[in-house]
Amino acid sequence: MPKNFIGMIPDEALKIIQTNYPSVSCSIRTYLPPKYKMDRNSNVTFRIVRQKQTGDNQLEFIISPFIHNE
């Protein structure tokens, strides 16, 4: 099974999986904290915060937003 992808941007992780592990399929779910507010001018990056093997050659990623204050 693939390496640990926690902390990575989902697109980067998916590229690695498609290139190095073509038989592995992934599902992505988004977690937003209960009081989550996003300003339209905020610079937001989604990152993988949890990785779980859900079956043979199946991964589930939980992604969450990280706001960059400038």
N, C-alpha and C. Protein backbone atom coordinates (compact mmCIF):
# COMPACT_ATOMS: atom_id res chain seq x y z
N MET A 1 0.86 -1.18 0.00
CA MET A 1 0.00 0.00 0.00
C MET A 1 0.90 1.24 0.00
N PRO A 2 0.43 2.33 -0.58
CA PRO A 2 1.24 3.56 -0.68
C PRO A 2 1.66 4.14 0.66
N LYS A 3 2.58 5.06 0.57
CA LYS A 3 3.13 5.73 1.75
C LYS A 3 2.10 6.61 2.44
N ASN A 4 2.56 7.30 3.45
CA ASN A 4 1.72 8.22 4.21
C ASN A 4 1.62 9.55 3.46
N PHE A 5 0.41 9.98 3.17
CA PHE A 5 0.18 11.21 2.43
C PHE A 5 -0.32 12.36 3.31
N ILE A 6 -0.35 12.16 4.62
CA ILE A 6 -0.85 13.20 5.53
C ILE A 6 0.01 14.45 5.41
N GLY A 7 -0.69 15.60 5.31
CA GLY A 7 -0.01 16.88 5.18
C GLY A 7 0.15 17.34 3.75
N MET A 8 -0.10 16.44 2.80
CA MET A 8 0.08 16.79 1.39
C MET A 8 -1.19 17.44 0.83
N ILE A 9 -0.99 18.18 -0.25
CA ILE A 9 -2.11 18.73 -1.01
C ILE A 9 -2.71 17.56 -1.79
N PRO A 10 -4.05 17.42 -1.81
CA PRO A 10 -4.67 16.26 -2.46
C PRO A 10 -4.23 16.01 -3.90
N ASP A 11 -4.09 17.06 -4.70
CA ASP A 11 -3.67 16.87 -6.10
C ASP A 11 -2.30 16.21 -6.20
N GLU A 12 -1.39 16.60 -5.32
CA GLU A 12 -0.05 16.01 -5.33
C GLU A 12 -0.12 14.53 -4.97
N ALA A 13 -0.90 14.20 -3.96
CA ALA A 13 -1.04 12.80 -3.53
C ALA A 13 -1.66 11.96 -4.65
N LEU A 14 -2.69 12.49 -5.30
CA LEU A 14 -3.34 11.74 -6.37
C LEU A 14 -2.40 11.50 -7.56
N LYS A 15 -1.55 12.47 -7.88
CA LYS A 15 -0.58 12.27 -8.95
C LYS A 15 0.39 11.15 -8.63
N ILE A 16 0.86 11.13 -7.37
CA ILE A 16 1.79 10.08 -6.94
C ILE A 16 1.12 8.72 -7.03
N ILE A 17 -0.13 8.64 -6.56
CA ILE A 17 -0.84 7.37 -6.58
C ILE A 17 -1.07 6.90 -8.02
N GLN A 18 -1.51 7.80 -8.89
CA GLN A 18 -1.77 7.43 -10.28
C GLN A 18 -0.51 6.97 -10.99
N THR A 19 0.62 7.59 -10.67
CA THR A 19 1.89 7.25 -11.31
C THR A 19 2.50 5.97 -10.75
N ASN A 20 2.56 5.87 -9.41
CA ASN A 20 3.28 4.77 -8.77
C ASN A 20 2.41 3.60 -8.33
N TYR A 21 1.13 3.84 -8.14
CA TYR A 21 0.22 2.81 -7.64
C TYR A 21 -1.08 2.81 -8.47
N PRO A 22 -1.02 2.48 -9.75
CA PRO A 22 -2.20 2.60 -10.61
C PRO A 22 -3.38 1.72 -10.20
N SER A 23 -3.14 0.69 -9.42
CA SER A 23 -4.25 -0.19 -9.01
C SER A 23 -4.97 0.31 -7.76
N VAL A 24 -4.47 1.38 -7.15
CA VAL A 24 -5.08 1.92 -5.94
C VAL A 24 -6.11 2.99 -6.31
N SER A 25 -7.29 2.90 -5.72
CA SER A 25 -8.31 3.92 -5.94
C SER A 25 -8.47 4.74 -4.65
N CYS A 26 -8.87 5.99 -4.82
CA CYS A 26 -8.98 6.90 -3.67
C CYS A 26 -10.34 7.57 -3.64
N SER A 27 -10.80 7.82 -2.44
CA SER A 27 -11.97 8.68 -2.26
C SER A 27 -11.53 9.82 -1.35
N ILE A 28 -12.13 10.98 -1.57
CA ILE A 28 -11.76 12.16 -0.79
C ILE A 28 -13.01 12.72 -0.15
N ARG A 29 -12.93 12.96 1.15
CA ARG A 29 -14.01 13.59 1.90
C ARG A 29 -13.47 14.85 2.54
N THR A 30 -14.30 15.87 2.64
CA THR A 30 -13.89 17.15 3.21
C THR A 30 -14.44 17.30 4.62
N TYR A 31 -13.57 17.72 5.53
CA TYR A 31 -13.99 18.02 6.89
C TYR A 31 -13.87 19.52 7.09
N LEU A 32 -14.97 20.16 7.49
CA LEU A 32 -14.96 21.57 7.85
C LEU A 32 -15.33 21.68 9.32
N PRO A 33 -14.54 22.38 10.13
CA PRO A 33 -14.88 22.56 11.54
C PRO A 33 -16.26 23.20 11.67
N PRO A 34 -16.97 22.94 12.77
CA PRO A 34 -18.32 23.45 12.95
C PRO A 34 -18.47 24.97 12.79
N LYS A 35 -17.51 25.71 13.25
CA LYS A 35 -17.60 27.17 13.16
C LYS A 35 -16.73 27.73 12.04
N TYR A 36 -16.59 26.96 11.01
CA TYR A 36 -15.71 27.34 9.91
C TYR A 36 -16.28 28.53 9.14
N LYS A 37 -15.46 29.56 9.01
CA LYS A 37 -15.81 30.74 8.21
C LYS A 37 -14.64 31.04 7.30
N MET A 38 -14.95 31.26 6.03
CA MET A 38 -13.88 31.55 5.10
C MET A 38 -14.15 32.90 4.45
N ASP A 39 -13.26 33.82 4.66
CA ASP A 39 -13.33 35.13 4.02
C ASP A 39 -13.01 34.95 2.55
N ARG A 40 -13.71 35.66 1.70
CA ARG A 40 -13.48 35.54 0.26
C ARG A 40 -12.05 35.89 -0.12
N ASN A 41 -11.40 36.72 0.66
CA ASN A 41 -10.03 37.13 0.34
C ASN A 41 -8.98 36.23 1.00
N SER A 42 -9.42 35.20 1.70
CA SER A 42 -8.48 34.31 2.37
C SER A 42 -7.80 33.40 1.36
N ASN A 43 -6.55 33.13 1.64
CA ASN A 43 -5.79 32.19 0.83
C ASN A 43 -5.91 30.82 1.52
N VAL A 44 -6.68 29.92 0.93
CA VAL A 44 -6.97 28.63 1.55
C VAL A 44 -6.30 27.50 0.78
N THR A 45 -5.68 26.60 1.52
CA THR A 45 -5.09 25.39 0.94
C THR A 45 -5.72 24.19 1.65
N PHE A 46 -6.20 23.24 0.87
CA PHE A 46 -6.71 22.00 1.46
C PHE A 46 -5.57 21.01 1.55
N ARG A 47 -5.49 20.34 2.69
CA ARG A 47 -4.45 19.33 2.92
C ARG A 47 -5.07 18.07 3.49
N ILE A 48 -4.39 16.97 3.26
CA ILE A 48 -4.85 15.68 3.78
C ILE A 48 -4.55 15.65 5.28
N VAL A 49 -5.59 15.41 6.08
CA VAL A 49 -5.41 15.35 7.53
C VAL A 49 -5.60 13.94 8.08
N ARG A 50 -6.17 13.06 7.25
CA ARG A 50 -6.36 11.68 7.68
C ARG A 50 -6.32 10.77 6.46
N GLN A 51 -5.71 9.63 6.64
CA GLN A 51 -5.61 8.64 5.56
C GLN A 51 -6.03 7.29 6.14
N LYS A 52 -6.89 6.60 5.43
CA LYS A 52 -7.39 5.33 5.94
C LYS A 52 -7.51 4.33 4.79
N GLN A 53 -7.05 3.11 5.03
CA GLN A 53 -7.25 2.06 4.04
C GLN A 53 -8.65 1.50 4.25
N THR A 54 -9.49 1.57 3.21
CA THR A 54 -10.88 1.14 3.34
C THR A 54 -11.16 -0.20 2.68
N GLY A 55 -10.18 -0.78 2.07
CA GLY A 55 -10.33 -2.08 1.42
C GLY A 55 -9.06 -2.41 0.67
N ASP A 56 -9.09 -3.51 -0.07
CA ASP A 56 -7.94 -3.87 -0.89
C ASP A 56 -7.73 -2.81 -1.96
N ASN A 57 -6.57 -2.20 -1.96
CA ASN A 57 -6.22 -1.16 -2.93
C ASN A 57 -7.18 0.02 -2.93
N GLN A 58 -7.70 0.37 -1.77
CA GLN A 58 -8.60 1.52 -1.65
C GLN A 58 -8.15 2.38 -0.47
N LEU A 59 -8.04 3.68 -0.73
CA LEU A 59 -7.69 4.65 0.31
C LEU A 59 -8.78 5.69 0.42
N GLU A 60 -8.95 6.19 1.62
CA GLU A 60 -9.86 7.31 1.84
C GLU A 60 -9.03 8.43 2.46
N PHE A 61 -9.13 9.62 1.88
CA PHE A 61 -8.47 10.80 2.42
C PHE A 61 -9.51 11.74 2.99
N ILE A 62 -9.24 12.27 4.15
CA ILE A 62 -10.04 13.36 4.72
C ILE A 62 -9.20 14.61 4.55
N ILE A 63 -9.78 15.62 3.90
CA ILE A 63 -9.05 16.87 3.69
C ILE A 63 -9.73 17.98 4.48
N SER A 64 -8.94 18.96 4.86
CA SER A 64 -9.45 20.09 5.65
C SER A 64 -8.75 21.37 5.17
N PRO A 65 -9.45 22.49 5.27
CA PRO A 65 -8.85 23.76 4.80
C PRO A 65 -7.88 24.33 5.83
N PHE A 66 -6.83 24.93 5.31
CA PHE A 66 -5.86 25.67 6.12
C PHE A 66 -5.80 27.08 5.53
N ILE A 67 -6.09 28.07 6.36
CA ILE A 67 -6.14 29.46 5.91
C ILE A 67 -4.80 30.11 6.15
N HIS A 68 -4.28 30.76 5.12
CA HIS A 68 -3.02 31.48 5.20
C HIS A 68 -3.32 32.95 5.41
N ASN A 69 -2.99 33.45 6.58
CA ASN A 69 -3.19 34.88 6.84
C ASN A 69 -1.97 35.66 6.38
N GLU A 70 -2.22 36.71 5.66
CA GLU A 70 -1.08 37.50 5.15
C GLU A 70 -1.08 38.86 5.78
